[in-house]
Every structure is written in C-alpha cells, then in structure tokens.
C-alpha cells in the first residue's frame, strides 16, 4: 500500500507519495505512471537523484529536514543528475508544476511526514 500524504499550498492540494524505504527510494518514478498535476513523489532521505530512463521532464525540489525549499531544478530531462548536499528530502513533480504551484527557493512547505 502506498503511503500518500496531502499538503495544502495556497489554494492547491498536493498529493504526495512518500518513498521512505530502500526499494521505494531505489525505484523512484521508474516504471510508474506519469505524474499528473498536483501529484508528487517525496524521496527521503535523499540528496541526489537521476532521471535516467525518464520519458518526461520532472521538477526536482530539494528540501531541508524541516521542509524548506533549498533548490528547484525545473524541467529536468532524461539522463540528468541533480545533487544538493544539504538536502534531507527530494520532491519530484511533473515538469512545470513547481512554477505553477509557486514553489520557489526559501519557501517553507508544511510537514509531509
């Protein structure tokens, strides 16, 4: 069973699947259906991701332990690696969602887990 959390961002609700075990973190978005608007995958703990094998662009949002946005990499295409050493969590969204939802560096997100 998937661990799904919902957070409120302004007037948007964001449904987040939490990947917090070895195999769920390892799999990430690979072999999963394409993310939709207002859906995300939180990988924790995580300070680096790759997009090898991804068939669509994603936004990669690195978060601190208290869910403050440290870095946003928008529209990451396949075969990319992204790292943020101080990050504790990584939130993956459909490409363009971070901008649409107003997620920017420094934003404090509500606690997810």
Protein backbone atom coordinates (compact mmCIF):
# COMPACT_ATOMS: atom_id res chain seq x y z
CA UNK A 1 0.00 0.00 0.00
CA UNK A 2 1.32 3.43 -0.93
CA UNK A 3 1.97 6.00 1.76
CA UNK A 4 0.17 9.09 0.40
CA UNK A 5 0.08 12.45 2.16
CA UNK A 6 -1.77 15.61 1.14
CA UNK A 7 -0.46 19.10 1.83
CA UNK A 8 -2.04 22.46 1.13
CA UNK A 9 -0.10 25.01 -0.94
CA UNK A 10 -2.17 28.17 -1.07
CA UNK A 11 -5.39 27.11 -2.76
CA UNK A 12 -3.82 23.94 -4.23
CA UNK A 13 -3.82 20.49 -2.65
CA UNK A 14 -0.72 18.44 -3.47
CA UNK A 15 -0.95 14.63 -3.15
CA UNK A 16 2.45 13.20 -2.34
CA UNK A 17 3.54 9.54 -2.38
CA UNK A 18 6.26 9.04 0.22
CA UNK A 19 9.20 6.78 -0.72
CA UNK A 20 10.93 6.16 2.59
CA UNK A 21 12.10 2.55 2.31
CA UNK A 22 15.08 1.20 0.38
CA UNK A 23 13.18 -0.30 -2.56
CA UNK A 24 10.67 2.55 -2.94
CA UNK A 25 13.54 5.08 -2.95
CA UNK A 26 15.51 2.95 -5.41
CA UNK A 27 12.55 2.65 -7.79
CA UNK A 28 11.52 6.30 -7.53
CA UNK A 29 9.44 7.19 -10.58
CA UNK A 30 10.84 4.41 -12.77
CA UNK A 31 8.17 2.02 -14.03
CA UNK A 32 5.47 4.28 -12.55
CA UNK A 33 2.67 6.01 -14.45
CA UNK A 34 3.35 9.59 -15.48
CA UNK A 35 2.87 12.10 -12.68
CA UNK A 36 -0.19 14.28 -13.01
CA UNK A 37 -0.77 17.85 -11.90
CA UNK A 38 -0.84 18.21 -8.14
CA UNK A 39 0.95 14.88 -7.63
CA UNK A 40 4.45 14.34 -6.34
CA UNK A 41 6.92 11.81 -5.03
CA UNK A 42 8.84 12.60 -1.84
CA UNK A 43 12.04 10.58 -1.54
CA UNK A 44 13.51 10.56 1.96
CA UNK A 45 16.25 10.60 2.93
CA UNK A 46 17.60 11.86 -0.39
CA UNK A 47 20.09 14.49 -1.51
CA UNK A 48 20.66 13.39 -5.13
CA UNK A 49 18.54 12.00 -7.97
CA UNK A 50 18.92 10.93 -11.56
CA UNK A 51 16.49 10.97 -14.46
CA UNK A 52 17.94 8.02 -16.36
CA UNK A 53 15.14 6.29 -18.25
CA UNK A 54 12.56 9.01 -17.60
CA UNK A 55 10.24 9.57 -20.54
CA UNK A 56 9.12 13.04 -19.48
CA UNK A 57 10.51 16.13 -17.75
CA UNK A 58 10.23 16.49 -13.99
CA UNK A 59 10.82 19.27 -11.49
CA UNK A 60 13.26 18.29 -8.73
CA UNK A 61 12.77 20.16 -5.45
CA UNK A 62 15.39 19.66 -2.74
CA UNK A 63 14.14 20.21 0.81
CA UNK A 64 15.78 20.68 4.20
CA UNK A 65 14.89 18.48 7.19
CA UNK A 66 12.13 20.97 8.11
CA UNK A 67 10.78 21.10 4.50
CA UNK A 68 12.22 24.46 3.46
CA UNK A 69 12.90 24.58 -0.28
CA UNK A 70 16.67 24.66 -0.82
CA UNK A 71 16.84 24.30 -4.60
CA UNK A 72 14.44 23.86 -7.52
CA UNK A 73 15.58 22.27 -10.78
CA UNK A 74 12.78 22.83 -13.29
CA UNK A 75 12.02 20.70 -16.34
CA UNK A 76 14.80 18.13 -15.83
CA UNK A 77 15.08 15.95 -18.91
CA UNK A 78 16.20 12.32 -19.12
CA UNK A 79 19.83 11.40 -18.35
CA UNK A 80 20.43 14.17 -15.81
CA UNK A 81 21.89 14.02 -12.30
CA UNK A 82 20.98 16.58 -9.63
CA UNK A 83 22.61 16.94 -6.21
CA UNK A 84 22.03 19.20 -3.19
CA UNK A 85 24.36 18.19 -0.34
CA UNK A 86 22.45 19.97 2.48
CA UNK A 87 19.11 18.40 1.42
CA UNK A 88 17.28 15.84 3.55
CA UNK A 89 14.32 15.18 1.22
CA UNK A 90 13.67 15.41 -2.51
CA UNK A 91 10.27 16.15 -4.01
CA UNK A 92 9.72 15.17 -7.64
CA UNK A 93 6.89 16.80 -9.58
CA UNK A 94 5.64 16.83 -13.16
CA UNK A 95 7.74 19.27 -15.19
CA UNK A 96 6.40 22.80 -14.72
CA UNK A 97 4.45 22.03 -11.52
CA UNK A 98 6.85 23.79 -9.16
CA UNK A 99 6.34 27.07 -11.00
CA UNK A 100 2.58 26.56 -11.33
CA UNK A 101 2.25 25.80 -7.60
CA UNK A 102 4.52 28.70 -6.61
CA UNK A 103 7.28 26.52 -5.18
CA UNK A 104 10.45 28.64 -5.04
CA UNK A 105 13.71 28.56 -3.10
CA UNK A 106 13.19 29.60 0.51
CA UNK A 107 9.51 28.60 0.64
CA UNK A 108 8.53 26.74 3.81
CA UNK A 109 6.36 23.73 2.96
CA UNK A 110 4.11 22.08 5.55
CA UNK A 111 5.50 18.95 7.20
CA UNK A 112 4.89 15.95 4.96
CA UNK A 113 5.97 13.05 7.20
